[in-house]
């Protein structure tokens, strides 16, 4: 017994716009479409992962980026590479940006979301993990990559406010509160239009 097998492209059930017969209107209803076509309709996003380090008095460590005037002070971390998981990104970026080899444990402090805007055309999704407390010697031994950062500072939280855009400081506050309470934060207003 033989069968003819026709190779079908993978298809996904999605909501699509369909013309309604005789009414000149359109309706939104489930339709099957090729996976590649469906992929063009979904949210596009970049993702980042970072670690929150503090000194022994719970003052956050941040690095000053040489490549961003709009977001000068940042936690240790960066954009995910293809094939990486968020935790892997945080560890890699930590080694690259500070020379610190951090191994864990893995503890999520916050997830971040921002809508796209004029400055960046994609949504942003981020993960902030607990990095722990560093001694004064560990902070002094941070080795920066001058192509990325030119300063590393540890300051009490209120002293960061005048150095950062409003939304960046609000994100830092949320992360610090998550650490203080032990309850992970969901910070969903890190939008690119909100500078």
N, C-alpha and C. Protein backbone atom coordinates (compact mmCIF):
# COMPACT_ATOMS: atom_id res chain seq x y z
N UNK A 1 0.84 -1.17 0.00
CA UNK A 1 0.00 0.00 0.00
C UNK A 1 0.89 1.24 0.00
N UNK A 2 0.69 2.13 -0.90
CA UNK A 2 1.47 3.37 -0.96
C UNK A 2 0.54 4.54 -0.74
N UNK A 3 1.15 5.57 -0.24
CA UNK A 3 0.37 6.79 0.01
C UNK A 3 1.15 7.96 -0.55
N UNK A 4 0.41 8.90 -1.08
CA UNK A 4 1.05 10.13 -1.53
C UNK A 4 1.09 11.10 -0.36
N UNK A 5 2.30 11.49 0.02
CA UNK A 5 2.46 12.44 1.11
C UNK A 5 2.78 13.80 0.52
N UNK A 6 1.97 14.74 0.81
CA UNK A 6 2.21 16.10 0.36
C UNK A 6 2.82 16.85 1.53
N UNK A 7 3.99 17.42 1.32
CA UNK A 7 4.65 18.18 2.39
C UNK A 7 3.90 19.49 2.60
N UNK A 8 3.42 19.67 3.81
CA UNK A 8 2.71 20.90 4.13
C UNK A 8 3.57 21.77 5.02
N UNK A 9 3.54 23.05 4.74
CA UNK A 9 4.24 24.02 5.56
C UNK A 9 3.54 24.09 6.92
N UNK A 10 4.31 24.16 8.03
CA UNK A 10 3.65 24.29 9.33
C UNK A 10 2.76 25.53 9.35
N UNK A 11 1.57 25.37 9.92
CA UNK A 11 0.62 26.48 9.96
C UNK A 11 0.19 26.71 11.40
N UNK A 12 -0.17 27.93 11.67
CA UNK A 12 -0.56 28.34 13.01
C UNK A 12 -1.93 28.97 12.96
N UNK A 13 -2.76 28.65 13.95
CA UNK A 13 -4.07 29.28 14.06
C UNK A 13 -3.89 30.65 14.69
N UNK A 14 -4.30 31.67 13.98
CA UNK A 14 -4.12 33.03 14.48
C UNK A 14 -5.37 33.83 14.17
N UNK A 15 -5.49 34.94 14.86
CA UNK A 15 -6.60 35.85 14.56
C UNK A 15 -6.19 36.70 13.38
N UNK A 16 -7.01 36.70 12.36
CA UNK A 16 -6.69 37.47 11.18
C UNK A 16 -7.91 38.24 10.71
N UNK A 17 -7.69 39.22 9.87
CA UNK A 17 -8.78 40.04 9.35
C UNK A 17 -9.34 39.35 8.11
N UNK A 18 -10.65 39.14 8.12
CA UNK A 18 -11.33 38.48 7.02
C UNK A 18 -12.42 39.42 6.49
N UNK A 19 -12.57 39.51 5.17
CA UNK A 19 -13.70 40.29 4.64
C UNK A 19 -15.01 39.53 4.91
N UNK A 20 -16.04 40.26 5.25
CA UNK A 20 -17.36 39.64 5.45
C UNK A 20 -18.14 39.77 4.16
N UNK A 21 -18.65 38.65 3.70
CA UNK A 21 -19.35 38.62 2.41
C UNK A 21 -20.56 39.55 2.41
N UNK A 22 -20.64 40.38 1.36
CA UNK A 22 -21.81 41.21 1.13
C UNK A 22 -21.95 42.42 2.04
N UNK A 23 -21.07 42.60 2.98
CA UNK A 23 -21.24 43.72 3.91
C UNK A 23 -20.20 44.81 3.73
N UNK A 24 -19.12 44.51 2.98
CA UNK A 24 -18.09 45.52 2.80
C UNK A 24 -17.31 45.79 4.09
N UNK A 25 -17.53 44.95 5.08
CA UNK A 25 -16.83 45.14 6.36
C UNK A 25 -15.80 44.04 6.54
N UNK A 26 -14.97 44.21 7.53
CA UNK A 26 -14.00 43.18 7.87
C UNK A 26 -14.26 42.71 9.28
N UNK A 27 -13.94 41.46 9.53
CA UNK A 27 -14.07 40.93 10.89
C UNK A 27 -12.77 40.26 11.28
N UNK A 28 -12.55 40.14 12.57
CA UNK A 28 -11.39 39.44 13.07
C UNK A 28 -11.84 38.06 13.50
N UNK A 29 -11.27 37.06 12.88
CA UNK A 29 -11.65 35.68 13.20
C UNK A 29 -10.42 34.79 13.08
N UNK A 30 -10.48 33.60 13.70
CA UNK A 30 -9.33 32.69 13.58
C UNK A 30 -9.14 32.22 12.14
N UNK A 31 -7.91 32.25 11.69
CA UNK A 31 -7.54 31.74 10.37
C UNK A 31 -6.23 30.98 10.52
N UNK A 32 -6.02 30.01 9.64
CA UNK A 32 -4.75 29.31 9.61
C UNK A 32 -3.84 30.03 8.64
N UNK A 33 -2.59 30.26 9.08
CA UNK A 33 -1.63 30.90 8.19
C UNK A 33 -0.27 30.23 8.37
N UNK A 34 0.58 30.30 7.37
CA UNK A 34 1.91 29.72 7.50
C UNK A 34 2.66 30.35 8.68
N UNK A 35 3.47 29.54 9.35
CA UNK A 35 4.19 30.00 10.54
C UNK A 35 5.02 31.24 10.23
N UNK A 36 5.67 31.27 9.08
CA UNK A 36 6.50 32.41 8.71
C UNK A 36 5.66 33.68 8.57
N UNK A 37 4.49 33.55 7.98
CA UNK A 37 3.58 34.70 7.83
C UNK A 37 3.08 35.15 9.20
N UNK A 38 2.71 34.19 10.05
CA UNK A 38 2.25 34.53 11.39
C UNK A 38 3.33 35.25 12.19
N UNK A 39 4.58 34.80 12.03
CA UNK A 39 5.69 35.42 12.76
C UNK A 39 5.82 36.90 12.45
N UNK A 40 5.43 37.29 11.25
CA UNK A 40 5.50 38.71 10.87
C UNK A 40 4.45 39.55 11.61
N UNK A 41 3.43 38.92 12.18
CA UNK A 41 2.35 39.67 12.82
C UNK A 41 2.51 39.82 14.33
N UNK A 42 3.46 39.10 14.93
CA UNK A 42 3.58 39.11 16.39
C UNK A 42 4.55 40.18 16.87
N UNK A 43 4.49 40.46 18.15
CA UNK A 43 5.35 41.45 18.80
C UNK A 43 6.82 41.14 18.55
N UNK A 44 7.58 42.13 18.18
CA UNK A 44 9.04 42.01 18.05
C UNK A 44 9.66 42.64 19.28
N UNK A 45 10.63 41.93 19.86
CA UNK A 45 11.22 42.43 21.10
C UNK A 45 12.70 42.07 21.17
N UNK A 46 13.45 42.90 21.87
CA UNK A 46 14.81 42.56 22.26
C UNK A 46 14.77 42.22 23.74
N UNK A 47 15.73 41.43 24.17
CA UNK A 47 15.75 41.00 25.57
C UNK A 47 17.11 41.26 26.18
N UNK A 48 17.11 41.55 27.47
CA UNK A 48 18.36 41.75 28.19
C UNK A 48 18.28 41.02 29.53
N UNK A 49 19.43 40.83 30.14
CA UNK A 49 19.49 40.23 31.46
C UNK A 49 20.65 40.86 32.22
N UNK A 50 20.46 41.06 33.50
CA UNK A 50 21.50 41.69 34.29
C UNK A 50 21.48 41.20 35.74
N UNK A 51 22.48 41.62 36.47
CA UNK A 51 22.63 41.27 37.88
C UNK A 51 22.63 42.54 38.71
N UNK A 52 21.94 42.49 39.84
CA UNK A 52 22.00 43.59 40.80
C UNK A 52 23.05 43.23 41.85
N UNK A 53 24.11 44.02 41.88
CA UNK A 53 25.11 43.93 42.94
C UNK A 53 24.97 45.15 43.83
N UNK A 54 25.21 44.97 45.11
CA UNK A 54 25.29 46.10 46.03
C UNK A 54 26.56 45.97 46.85
N UNK A 55 26.87 47.04 47.56
CA UNK A 55 27.94 46.93 48.55
C UNK A 55 27.37 46.29 49.81
N UNK A 56 28.14 46.24 50.84
CA UNK A 56 27.71 45.58 52.08
C UNK A 56 26.63 46.36 52.82
N UNK A 57 26.37 47.61 52.37
CA UNK A 57 25.32 48.44 52.98
C UNK A 57 24.08 48.52 52.09
N UNK A 58 23.98 47.65 51.10
CA UNK A 58 22.86 47.58 50.16
C UNK A 58 22.74 48.80 49.25
N UNK A 59 23.84 49.44 48.96
CA UNK A 59 23.86 50.52 47.98
C UNK A 59 24.15 49.90 46.60
N UNK A 60 23.31 50.16 45.60
CA UNK A 60 23.48 49.49 44.30
C UNK A 60 24.71 49.96 43.53
N UNK A 61 25.31 48.99 42.84
CA UNK A 61 26.42 49.23 41.93
C UNK A 61 25.85 49.42 40.53
N UNK A 62 26.31 50.48 39.85
CA UNK A 62 25.93 50.68 38.45
C UNK A 62 27.16 51.11 37.66
N UNK A 63 27.08 50.85 36.36
CA UNK A 63 28.16 51.20 35.44
C UNK A 63 27.69 52.31 34.52
N UNK A 64 28.62 53.25 34.21
CA UNK A 64 28.25 54.33 33.29
C UNK A 64 28.64 53.95 31.87
N UNK A 65 27.63 53.91 31.01
CA UNK A 65 27.83 53.50 29.62
C UNK A 65 28.39 54.66 28.80
N UNK A 66 29.38 54.36 27.98
CA UNK A 66 29.95 55.39 27.10
C UNK A 66 29.13 55.51 25.81
N UNK A 67 28.26 54.56 25.54
CA UNK A 67 27.52 54.51 24.28
C UNK A 67 26.09 55.01 24.39
N UNK A 68 25.64 55.43 25.58
CA UNK A 68 24.24 55.84 25.73
C UNK A 68 24.11 57.11 26.55
N UNK A 69 23.74 58.18 25.88
CA UNK A 69 23.47 59.43 26.60
C UNK A 69 22.12 59.39 27.30
N UNK A 70 21.17 58.63 26.72
CA UNK A 70 19.83 58.60 27.30
C UNK A 70 19.71 57.66 28.49
N UNK A 71 20.57 56.66 28.57
CA UNK A 71 20.56 55.71 29.70
C UNK A 71 21.99 55.53 30.21
N UNK A 72 22.54 56.57 30.86
CA UNK A 72 23.96 56.52 31.19
C UNK A 72 24.34 55.49 32.27
N UNK A 73 23.49 55.30 33.27
CA UNK A 73 23.84 54.40 34.36
C UNK A 73 23.01 53.12 34.27
N UNK A 74 23.72 51.99 34.31
CA UNK A 74 23.08 50.71 34.06
C UNK A 74 23.58 49.66 35.04
N UNK A 75 22.71 48.69 35.31
CA UNK A 75 23.14 47.52 36.08
C UNK A 75 24.10 46.70 35.23
N UNK A 76 24.82 45.81 35.87
CA UNK A 76 25.74 44.93 35.17
C UNK A 76 24.93 43.95 34.33
N UNK A 77 25.06 44.01 33.02
CA UNK A 77 24.28 43.13 32.15
C UNK A 77 24.22 43.66 30.75
N UNK A 78 23.41 43.02 29.92
CA UNK A 78 23.30 43.47 28.55
C UNK A 78 22.32 42.64 27.74
N UNK A 79 22.37 42.84 26.44
CA UNK A 79 21.44 42.22 25.51
C UNK A 79 21.75 40.75 25.31
N UNK A 80 20.69 39.96 25.24
CA UNK A 80 20.85 38.52 25.03
C UNK A 80 21.33 38.24 23.61
N UNK A 81 22.28 37.32 23.51
CA UNK A 81 22.74 36.84 22.21
C UNK A 81 21.83 35.70 21.75
N UNK A 82 21.73 35.48 20.43
CA UNK A 82 20.93 34.36 19.94
C UNK A 82 21.37 33.04 20.59
N UNK A 83 20.41 32.24 21.01
CA UNK A 83 20.69 30.95 21.62
C UNK A 83 20.93 31.00 23.11
N UNK A 84 21.07 32.19 23.68
CA UNK A 84 21.29 32.31 25.13
C UNK A 84 19.98 32.32 25.89
N UNK A 85 20.06 31.86 27.11
CA UNK A 85 18.96 32.00 28.07
C UNK A 85 19.30 33.19 28.95
N UNK A 86 18.28 33.82 29.58
CA UNK A 86 18.55 35.03 30.36
C UNK A 86 19.66 34.87 31.40
N UNK A 87 19.66 33.78 32.14
CA UNK A 87 20.69 33.60 33.18
C UNK A 87 22.08 33.52 32.55
N UNK A 88 22.20 32.85 31.41
CA UNK A 88 23.49 32.76 30.72
C UNK A 88 23.96 34.14 30.28
N UNK A 89 23.03 34.95 29.81
CA UNK A 89 23.37 36.32 29.40
C UNK A 89 23.90 37.12 30.58
N UNK A 90 23.20 37.04 31.71
CA UNK A 90 23.63 37.80 32.89
C UNK A 90 25.04 37.41 33.31
N UNK A 91 25.34 36.13 33.32
CA UNK A 91 26.68 35.67 33.73
C UNK A 91 27.75 36.10 32.73
N UNK A 92 27.46 35.96 31.43
CA UNK A 92 28.42 36.37 30.40
C UNK A 92 28.70 37.85 30.47
N UNK A 93 27.62 38.64 30.53
CA UNK A 93 27.79 40.10 30.57
C UNK A 93 28.55 40.52 31.83
N UNK A 94 28.30 39.86 32.94
CA UNK A 94 29.00 40.19 34.17
C UNK A 94 30.50 39.99 34.01
N UNK A 95 30.91 38.85 33.43
CA UNK A 95 32.34 38.60 33.19
C UNK A 95 32.93 39.66 32.26
N UNK A 96 32.20 39.94 31.17
CA UNK A 96 32.72 40.88 30.18
C UNK A 96 32.81 42.30 30.71
N UNK A 97 31.82 42.71 31.50
CA UNK A 97 31.75 44.12 31.92
C UNK A 97 32.51 44.43 33.20
N UNK A 98 32.73 43.43 34.05
CA UNK A 98 33.35 43.71 35.35
C UNK A 98 34.53 42.82 35.69
N UNK A 99 34.67 41.70 34.99
CA UNK A 99 35.69 40.73 35.36
C UNK A 99 35.26 39.80 36.48
N UNK A 100 34.08 40.02 37.04
CA UNK A 100 33.57 39.17 38.13
C UNK A 100 33.01 37.89 37.52
N UNK A 101 33.45 36.76 38.05
CA UNK A 101 32.91 35.47 37.63
C UNK A 101 31.87 35.08 38.68
N UNK A 102 30.62 35.28 38.34
CA UNK A 102 29.51 35.00 39.27
C UNK A 102 28.88 33.69 38.86
N UNK A 103 28.53 32.87 39.83
CA UNK A 103 27.97 31.56 39.51
C UNK A 103 26.58 31.33 40.09
N UNK A 104 26.12 32.19 40.91
CA UNK A 104 24.76 32.00 41.42
C UNK A 104 24.72 31.99 42.93
N UNK A 105 23.62 31.60 43.47
CA UNK A 105 22.49 30.90 42.86
C UNK A 105 21.62 31.83 42.01
N UNK A 106 20.75 31.20 41.23
CA UNK A 106 19.85 31.94 40.35
C UNK A 106 18.64 32.40 41.16
N UNK A 107 18.46 33.72 41.24
CA UNK A 107 17.27 34.27 41.90
C UNK A 107 16.80 35.48 41.10
N UNK A 108 15.59 35.38 40.55
CA UNK A 108 15.03 36.47 39.77
C UNK A 108 14.49 37.54 40.71
N UNK A 109 14.93 38.79 40.50
CA UNK A 109 14.42 39.91 41.29
C UNK A 109 13.30 40.64 40.56
N UNK A 110 13.42 40.75 39.24
CA UNK A 110 12.42 41.54 38.51
C UNK A 110 12.39 41.14 37.04
N UNK A 111 11.21 41.29 36.46
CA UNK A 111 11.08 41.23 35.01
C UNK A 111 10.65 42.62 34.56
N UNK A 112 11.16 43.02 33.42
CA UNK A 112 10.98 44.38 32.90
C UNK A 112 10.32 44.28 31.53
N UNK A 113 9.40 45.21 31.26
CA UNK A 113 8.81 45.29 29.92
C UNK A 113 8.67 46.74 29.51
N UNK A 114 8.98 47.01 28.25
CA UNK A 114 8.79 48.34 27.71
C UNK A 114 8.26 48.27 26.28
N UNK A 115 7.35 49.19 25.96
CA UNK A 115 6.82 49.29 24.60
C UNK A 115 7.84 49.96 23.69
N UNK A 116 7.79 49.69 22.38
CA UNK A 116 8.71 50.36 21.45
C UNK A 116 8.40 51.85 21.34
N UNK A 117 9.32 52.57 20.74
CA UNK A 117 9.12 54.01 20.53
C UNK A 117 10.02 54.52 19.43
N UNK A 118 10.15 55.83 19.33
CA UNK A 118 10.97 56.42 18.27
C UNK A 118 12.43 56.06 18.41
N UNK A 119 12.91 55.98 19.64
CA UNK A 119 14.33 55.70 19.87
C UNK A 119 14.68 54.24 19.56
N UNK A 120 13.72 53.33 19.75
CA UNK A 120 13.97 51.91 19.51
C UNK A 120 12.67 51.28 19.01
N UNK A 121 12.71 50.58 17.85
CA UNK A 121 11.47 50.11 17.23
C UNK A 121 10.90 48.80 17.77
N UNK A 122 11.53 48.22 18.77
CA UNK A 122 11.06 46.95 19.32
C UNK A 122 10.68 47.10 20.79
N UNK A 123 9.81 46.22 21.25
CA UNK A 123 9.55 46.14 22.68
C UNK A 123 10.82 45.63 23.37
N UNK A 124 10.91 45.85 24.67
CA UNK A 124 12.06 45.40 25.44
C UNK A 124 11.58 44.52 26.58
N UNK A 125 12.23 43.38 26.72
CA UNK A 125 11.92 42.47 27.82
C UNK A 125 13.22 42.22 28.57
N UNK A 126 13.19 42.35 29.89
CA UNK A 126 14.41 42.18 30.66
C UNK A 126 14.21 41.35 31.92
N UNK A 127 15.32 40.82 32.40
CA UNK A 127 15.35 40.00 33.60
C UNK A 127 16.47 40.50 34.49
N UNK A 128 16.15 40.79 35.75
CA UNK A 128 17.17 41.24 36.70
C UNK A 128 17.30 40.17 37.77
N UNK A 129 18.52 39.66 37.91
CA UNK A 129 18.81 38.61 38.87
C UNK A 129 19.61 39.17 40.05
N UNK A 130 19.51 38.50 41.18
CA UNK A 130 20.26 38.85 42.39
C UNK A 130 21.73 38.53 42.18
N UNK A 131 22.57 39.53 42.41
CA UNK A 131 24.02 39.32 42.30
C UNK A 131 24.71 39.24 43.65
N UNK A 132 24.01 39.72 44.68
CA UNK A 132 24.58 39.64 46.02
C UNK A 132 25.33 40.90 46.42
N UNK A 133 25.97 40.81 47.56
CA UNK A 133 26.72 41.94 48.12
C UNK A 133 28.20 41.76 47.86
N UNK A 134 28.83 42.82 47.43
CA UNK A 134 30.27 42.81 47.15
C UNK A 134 31.00 43.53 48.27
N UNK A 135 32.18 43.04 48.60
CA UNK A 135 33.03 43.73 49.57
C UNK A 135 33.66 44.95 48.90
N UNK A 136 34.25 45.82 49.69
CA UNK A 136 34.95 46.98 49.14
C UNK A 136 36.08 46.55 48.22
N UNK A 137 36.79 45.49 48.59
CA UNK A 137 37.88 44.99 47.75
C UNK A 137 37.34 44.47 46.41
N UNK A 138 36.22 43.77 46.43
CA UNK A 138 35.63 43.28 45.18
C UNK A 138 35.20 44.43 44.28
N UNK A 139 34.64 45.47 44.87
CA UNK A 139 34.21 46.63 44.08
C UNK A 139 35.42 47.34 43.48
N UNK A 140 36.48 47.49 44.27
CA UNK A 140 37.69 48.12 43.75
C UNK A 140 38.34 47.30 42.64
N UNK A 141 38.12 46.00 42.65
CA UNK A 141 38.76 45.13 41.65
C UNK A 141 37.96 45.01 40.36
N UNK A 142 36.82 45.68 40.26
CA UNK A 142 36.03 45.65 39.02
C UNK A 142 36.88 46.19 37.88
N UNK A 143 36.92 45.43 36.80
CA UNK A 143 37.68 45.83 35.60
C UNK A 143 36.68 46.15 34.50
N UNK A 144 36.64 47.41 34.09
CA UNK A 144 35.70 47.85 33.07
C UNK A 144 36.29 47.72 31.68
N UNK A 145 35.42 47.44 30.70
CA UNK A 145 35.80 47.47 29.30
C UNK A 145 35.58 48.91 28.84
N UNK A 146 36.67 49.66 28.55
CA UNK A 146 36.51 51.09 28.20
C UNK A 146 35.68 51.33 26.94
N UNK A 147 35.49 50.31 26.12
CA UNK A 147 34.64 50.46 24.95
C UNK A 147 33.17 50.51 25.34
N UNK A 148 32.84 50.07 26.57
CA UNK A 148 31.45 50.03 27.02
C UNK A 148 31.17 50.96 28.20
N UNK A 149 32.07 50.97 29.19
CA UNK A 149 31.82 51.73 30.43
C UNK A 149 33.07 52.46 30.88
N UNK A 150 32.87 53.66 31.46
CA UNK A 150 34.01 54.42 31.92
C UNK A 150 33.99 54.70 33.43
N UNK A 151 32.98 54.18 34.14
CA UNK A 151 32.92 54.40 35.58
C UNK A 151 32.03 53.35 36.22
N UNK A 152 32.37 52.96 37.43
CA UNK A 152 31.54 52.08 38.25
C UNK A 152 31.36 52.78 39.59
N UNK A 153 30.11 52.93 40.00
CA UNK A 153 29.83 53.63 41.26
C UNK A 153 28.87 52.84 42.13
N UNK A 154 29.04 53.01 43.42
CA UNK A 154 28.11 52.49 44.41
C UNK A 154 27.62 53.70 45.19
N UNK A 155 26.29 53.92 45.14
CA UNK A 155 25.71 55.08 45.81
C UNK A 155 24.44 54.65 46.54
N UNK A 156 24.08 55.35 47.62
CA UNK A 156 22.76 55.10 48.21
C UNK A 156 21.68 55.39 47.17
N UNK A 157 20.58 54.68 47.25
CA UNK A 157 19.52 54.80 46.24
C UNK A 157 19.11 56.24 45.95
N UNK A 158 18.84 57.09 46.96
CA UNK A 158 18.40 58.46 46.65
C UNK A 158 19.41 59.27 45.83
N UNK A 159 20.69 58.95 45.98
CA UNK A 159 21.72 59.70 45.25
C UNK A 159 21.78 59.32 43.77
N UNK A 160 21.16 58.21 43.39
CA UNK A 160 21.10 57.84 41.99
C UNK A 160 20.06 58.67 41.23
N UNK A 161 19.04 59.16 41.91
CA UNK A 161 17.91 59.80 41.22
C UNK A 161 18.31 60.95 40.30
N UNK A 162 19.16 61.90 40.74
CA UNK A 162 19.49 63.00 39.81
C UNK A 162 20.41 62.59 38.66
N UNK A 163 20.96 61.40 38.71
CA UNK A 163 21.90 60.96 37.68
C UNK A 163 21.25 60.14 36.56
N UNK A 164 19.95 59.84 36.73
CA UNK A 164 19.29 58.91 35.83
C UNK A 164 17.98 59.47 35.30
N UNK A 165 17.56 59.05 34.09
CA UNK A 165 16.21 59.40 33.64
C UNK A 165 15.18 58.83 34.60
N UNK A 166 14.02 59.47 34.65
CA UNK A 166 12.96 59.10 35.59
C UNK A 166 12.60 57.61 35.51
N UNK A 167 12.41 57.09 34.30
CA UNK A 167 11.99 55.70 34.18
C UNK A 167 13.09 54.74 34.60
N UNK A 168 14.37 55.10 34.36
CA UNK A 168 15.48 54.23 34.78
C UNK A 168 15.57 54.18 36.30
N UNK A 169 15.36 55.35 36.93
CA UNK A 169 15.41 55.36 38.39
C UNK A 169 14.24 54.58 38.98
N UNK A 170 13.05 54.72 38.39
CA UNK A 170 11.88 53.97 38.87
C UNK A 170 12.13 52.47 38.76
N UNK A 171 12.79 52.06 37.70
CA UNK A 171 13.13 50.64 37.53
C UNK A 171 14.11 50.20 38.62
N UNK A 172 15.13 51.02 38.89
CA UNK A 172 16.09 50.69 39.95
C UNK A 172 15.40 50.61 41.31
N UNK A 173 14.48 51.54 41.58
CA UNK A 173 13.71 51.48 42.84
C UNK A 173 12.93 50.17 42.96
N UNK A 174 12.29 49.76 41.85
CA UNK A 174 11.49 48.53 41.87
C UNK A 174 12.38 47.32 42.14
N UNK A 175 13.55 47.30 41.54
CA UNK A 175 14.47 46.18 41.74
C UNK A 175 14.96 46.15 43.19
N UNK A 176 15.28 47.30 43.73
CA UNK A 176 15.76 47.36 45.12
C UNK A 176 14.65 46.96 46.10
N UNK A 177 13.42 47.34 45.80
CA UNK A 177 12.28 46.95 46.64
C UNK A 177 12.06 45.44 46.57
N UNK A 178 12.24 44.87 45.38
CA UNK A 178 12.10 43.41 45.23
C UNK A 178 13.15 42.70 46.08
N UNK A 179 14.35 43.23 46.07
CA UNK A 179 15.39 42.61 46.90
C UNK A 179 15.04 42.73 48.38
N UNK A 180 14.59 43.91 48.77
CA UNK A 180 14.27 44.15 50.19
C UNK A 180 13.16 43.25 50.68
N UNK A 181 12.12 43.07 49.86
CA UNK A 181 10.95 42.32 50.30
C UNK A 181 11.03 40.82 49.99
N UNK A 182 11.90 40.45 49.06
CA UNK A 182 11.96 39.06 48.64
C UNK A 182 10.87 38.67 47.66
N UNK A 183 10.11 39.66 47.17
CA UNK A 183 9.04 39.42 46.20
C UNK A 183 9.46 39.99 44.85
N UNK A 184 9.51 39.14 43.84
CA UNK A 184 9.94 39.58 42.51
C UNK A 184 9.04 40.70 41.99
N UNK A 185 9.64 41.67 41.33
CA UNK A 185 8.90 42.81 40.78
C UNK A 185 8.57 42.57 39.31
N UNK A 186 7.44 43.11 38.90
CA UNK A 186 7.08 43.17 37.48
C UNK A 186 6.99 44.65 37.14
N UNK A 187 7.97 45.14 36.41
CA UNK A 187 8.04 46.56 36.07
C UNK A 187 7.71 46.68 34.59
N UNK A 188 6.48 47.12 34.28
CA UNK A 188 6.03 47.10 32.88
C UNK A 188 5.82 48.48 32.29
N UNK A 189 6.56 49.45 32.77
CA UNK A 189 6.40 50.80 32.21
C UNK A 189 7.75 51.38 31.80
N UNK A 190 8.63 50.54 31.30
CA UNK A 190 9.94 51.00 30.83
C UNK A 190 9.86 51.25 29.32
N UNK A 191 8.90 52.09 28.91
CA UNK A 191 8.60 52.32 27.51
C UNK A 191 9.60 53.28 26.86
N UNK A 192 9.86 53.06 25.58
CA UNK A 192 10.82 53.89 24.86
C UNK A 192 10.27 55.30 24.61
N UNK A 193 8.96 55.49 24.62
CA UNK A 193 8.40 56.83 24.43
C UNK A 193 8.50 57.65 25.70
N UNK A 194 8.71 57.01 26.82
CA UNK A 194 8.69 57.68 28.13
C UNK A 194 10.11 58.02 28.57
N UNK A 195 10.68 59.05 27.97
CA UNK A 195 12.07 59.42 28.29
C UNK A 195 12.14 60.40 29.42
